[in-house]
Amino acid sequence: MRAVIQRVSRAGVIVNGARIAAIGPGLLVLLGVENGDDEKAAEYLADKTAGLRIFEDAAEKMNLSVLDCAGDVLVVSQFTLLADCRKGRRPGFSAAAPPELAEPLCEYFVTQLKQRGVKVQTGQFRANMAVDLVNDGPVTILLESR
């Protein structure tokens, strides 16, 4: 699994003109599921995401997690994170897990975050989503389960 994590002041998702998710301060997680990923990978990434200390403490040091700040998390599935652009100009997506495998793992990742005490909202799997965000910092972290 691959996750691009952005510390945000706010973020949201619109599908077919309707806002389906919105968070205030917290994390936007763009999540890609790769062929061969399993629940152990989702657990690992959920644990890392919940505990990632990228929020500033009173001394302005990145020392607090989203849990410490009582922030929210918005999870958006994004198979394009697994794009292979090494050959030609058109990305290949053969490393991305097919939807029937990716969707349950995305849902499991969300469940794992919730079990760790994180408040989570999600985009809509396989939908054309408009994602808006205000990146705070900016702080953007790439996490991989492998």
Protein backbone atom coordinates (compact mmCIF):
# COMPACT_ATOMS: atom_id res chain seq x y z
CA MET A 1 0.00 0.00 0.00
CA ARG A 2 1.10 3.52 -0.68
CA ALA A 3 -0.23 6.61 1.08
CA VAL A 4 0.41 10.26 0.41
CA ILE A 5 -0.36 12.05 3.66
CA GLN A 6 -0.92 15.78 3.71
CA ARG A 7 -1.34 17.88 6.85
CA VAL A 8 -4.32 20.11 6.07
CA SER A 9 -6.21 23.03 7.54
CA ARG A 10 -9.26 21.65 5.77
CA ALA A 11 -10.14 19.17 3.03
CA GLY A 12 -13.23 17.86 1.31
CA VAL A 13 -14.61 15.68 -1.46
CA ILE A 14 -17.33 16.49 -3.98
CA VAL A 15 -19.00 13.81 -6.13
CA ASN A 16 -21.58 14.74 -8.79
CA GLY A 17 -21.84 18.28 -7.40
CA ALA A 18 -22.52 17.16 -3.82
CA ARG A 19 -20.05 17.47 -0.96
CA ILE A 20 -19.82 13.97 0.54
CA ALA A 21 -17.01 14.61 3.04
CA ALA A 22 -15.36 17.55 4.76
CA ILE A 23 -12.82 17.86 7.57
CA GLY A 24 -11.16 20.68 9.44
CA PRO A 25 -7.57 20.47 10.66
CA GLY A 26 -6.08 17.01 10.23
CA LEU A 27 -4.79 14.73 7.51
CA LEU A 28 -5.77 14.03 3.92
CA VAL A 29 -4.70 10.49 3.05
CA LEU A 30 -4.55 9.52 -0.62
CA LEU A 31 -4.42 5.71 -0.53
CA GLY A 32 -3.30 3.32 -3.26
CA VAL A 33 -3.63 -0.46 -2.95
CA GLU A 34 -1.05 -2.56 -4.75
CA ASN A 35 -1.29 -6.14 -6.02
CA GLY A 36 -0.20 -8.41 -3.17
CA ASP A 37 -1.29 -6.06 -0.38
CA ASP A 38 -3.14 -7.59 2.54
CA GLU A 39 -4.69 -6.68 5.89
CA LYS A 40 -1.26 -6.63 7.52
CA ALA A 41 -0.22 -3.83 5.12
CA ALA A 42 -3.39 -1.88 5.96
CA GLU A 43 -2.76 -2.31 9.70
CA TYR A 44 0.83 -1.12 9.33
CA LEU A 45 -0.18 2.00 7.40
CA ALA A 46 -3.08 2.77 9.75
CA ASP A 47 -0.75 2.55 12.74
CA LYS A 48 1.83 4.80 11.06
CA THR A 49 -0.82 7.29 9.96
CA ALA A 50 -2.47 7.56 13.38
CA GLY A 51 0.86 7.97 15.15
CA LEU A 52 2.73 10.13 12.65
CA ARG A 53 4.02 13.13 14.59
CA ILE A 54 3.73 15.94 12.03
CA PHE A 55 1.71 18.51 13.99
CA GLU A 56 3.46 21.25 15.93
CA ASP A 57 3.59 21.31 19.73
CA ALA A 58 3.81 24.45 21.92
CA ALA A 59 7.53 24.76 21.03
CA GLU A 60 6.66 24.70 17.29
CA LYS A 61 8.33 21.29 16.81
CA MET A 62 6.62 18.57 14.78
CA ASN A 63 5.93 16.38 17.78
CA LEU A 64 2.18 15.67 17.85
CA SER A 65 0.04 13.11 16.02
CA VAL A 66 -3.44 13.61 14.60
CA LEU A 67 -4.71 11.84 17.72
CA ASP A 68 -2.83 14.24 20.00
CA CYS A 69 -4.43 17.18 18.16
CA ALA A 70 -7.91 15.62 17.99
CA GLY A 71 -7.74 16.17 14.24
CA ASP A 72 -9.75 14.46 11.53
CA VAL A 73 -8.62 12.24 8.68
CA LEU A 74 -10.07 12.17 5.17
CA VAL A 75 -9.19 9.00 3.25
CA VAL A 76 -9.46 9.05 -0.55
CA SER A 77 -8.70 5.95 -2.59
CA GLN A 78 -6.37 6.71 -5.49
CA PHE A 79 -5.10 3.87 -7.67
CA THR A 80 -3.03 6.33 -9.71
CA LEU A 81 -0.47 6.38 -6.86
CA LEU A 82 0.71 3.04 -8.30
CA ALA A 83 1.36 4.47 -11.78
CA ASP A 84 4.42 3.20 -13.62
CA CYS A 85 5.83 5.96 -15.83
CA ARG A 86 9.19 4.39 -16.68
CA LYS A 87 8.32 3.58 -20.30
CA GLY A 88 6.65 5.86 -22.78
CA ARG A 89 4.40 8.75 -21.87
CA ARG A 90 1.25 6.93 -20.83
CA PRO A 91 1.29 5.61 -17.25
CA GLY A 92 0.70 1.92 -16.66
CA PHE A 93 -1.39 0.77 -13.72
CA SER A 94 -0.70 -2.97 -13.66
CA ALA A 95 0.74 -2.69 -10.11
CA ALA A 96 -2.57 -1.37 -8.76
CA ALA A 97 -4.85 -3.98 -7.21
CA PRO A 98 -8.13 -4.57 -9.06
CA PRO A 99 -11.17 -2.84 -7.51
CA GLU A 100 -12.60 -6.04 -6.04
CA LEU A 101 -9.42 -6.44 -3.96
CA ALA A 102 -8.62 -2.77 -3.38
CA GLU A 103 -12.00 -1.64 -2.06
CA PRO A 104 -12.15 -4.05 0.90
CA LEU A 105 -8.56 -3.16 1.84
CA CYS A 106 -9.36 0.56 1.73
CA GLU A 107 -12.35 -0.09 3.98
CA TYR A 108 -10.18 -2.18 6.30
CA PHE A 109 -7.62 0.65 6.49
CA VAL A 110 -10.41 3.06 7.52
CA THR A 111 -11.66 0.58 10.12
CA GLN A 112 -8.15 0.26 11.51
CA LEU A 113 -7.83 4.04 11.83
CA LYS A 114 -11.17 4.20 13.64
CA GLN A 115 -10.09 1.41 16.02
CA ARG A 116 -7.08 3.55 16.92
CA GLY A 117 -9.40 6.42 17.90
CA VAL A 118 -9.12 8.51 14.72
CA LYS A 119 -12.17 10.37 13.40
CA VAL A 120 -12.38 9.40 9.71
CA GLN A 121 -14.33 10.47 6.67
CA THR A 122 -13.91 9.02 3.19
CA GLY A 123 -14.25 9.74 -0.47
CA GLN A 124 -16.28 7.41 -2.69
CA PHE A 125 -14.52 4.40 -4.14
CA ARG A 126 -14.41 4.33 -7.98
CA ALA A 127 -16.08 7.74 -8.25
CA ASN A 128 -14.80 10.76 -10.12
CA MET A 129 -14.04 12.97 -7.12
CA ALA A 130 -13.14 16.63 -6.81
CA VAL A 131 -10.81 16.82 -3.80
CA ASP A 132 -10.13 20.23 -2.34
CA LEU A 133 -7.62 20.97 0.39
CA VAL A 134 -5.56 23.60 2.07
CA ASN A 135 -2.17 22.03 2.73
CA ASP A 136 -0.84 23.21 6.09
CA GLY A 137 2.90 23.86 6.08
CA PRO A 138 3.00 22.45 3.47
CA VAL A 139 3.65 19.05 5.00
CA THR A 140 3.40 16.05 2.68
CA ILE A 141 4.68 12.57 3.60
CA LEU A 142 4.87 9.41 1.50
CA LEU A 143 4.31 6.13 3.39
CA GLU A 144 4.62 2.65 1.94
CA SER A 145 3.87 -0.68 3.55
CA ARG A 146 6.66 -2.48 1.70
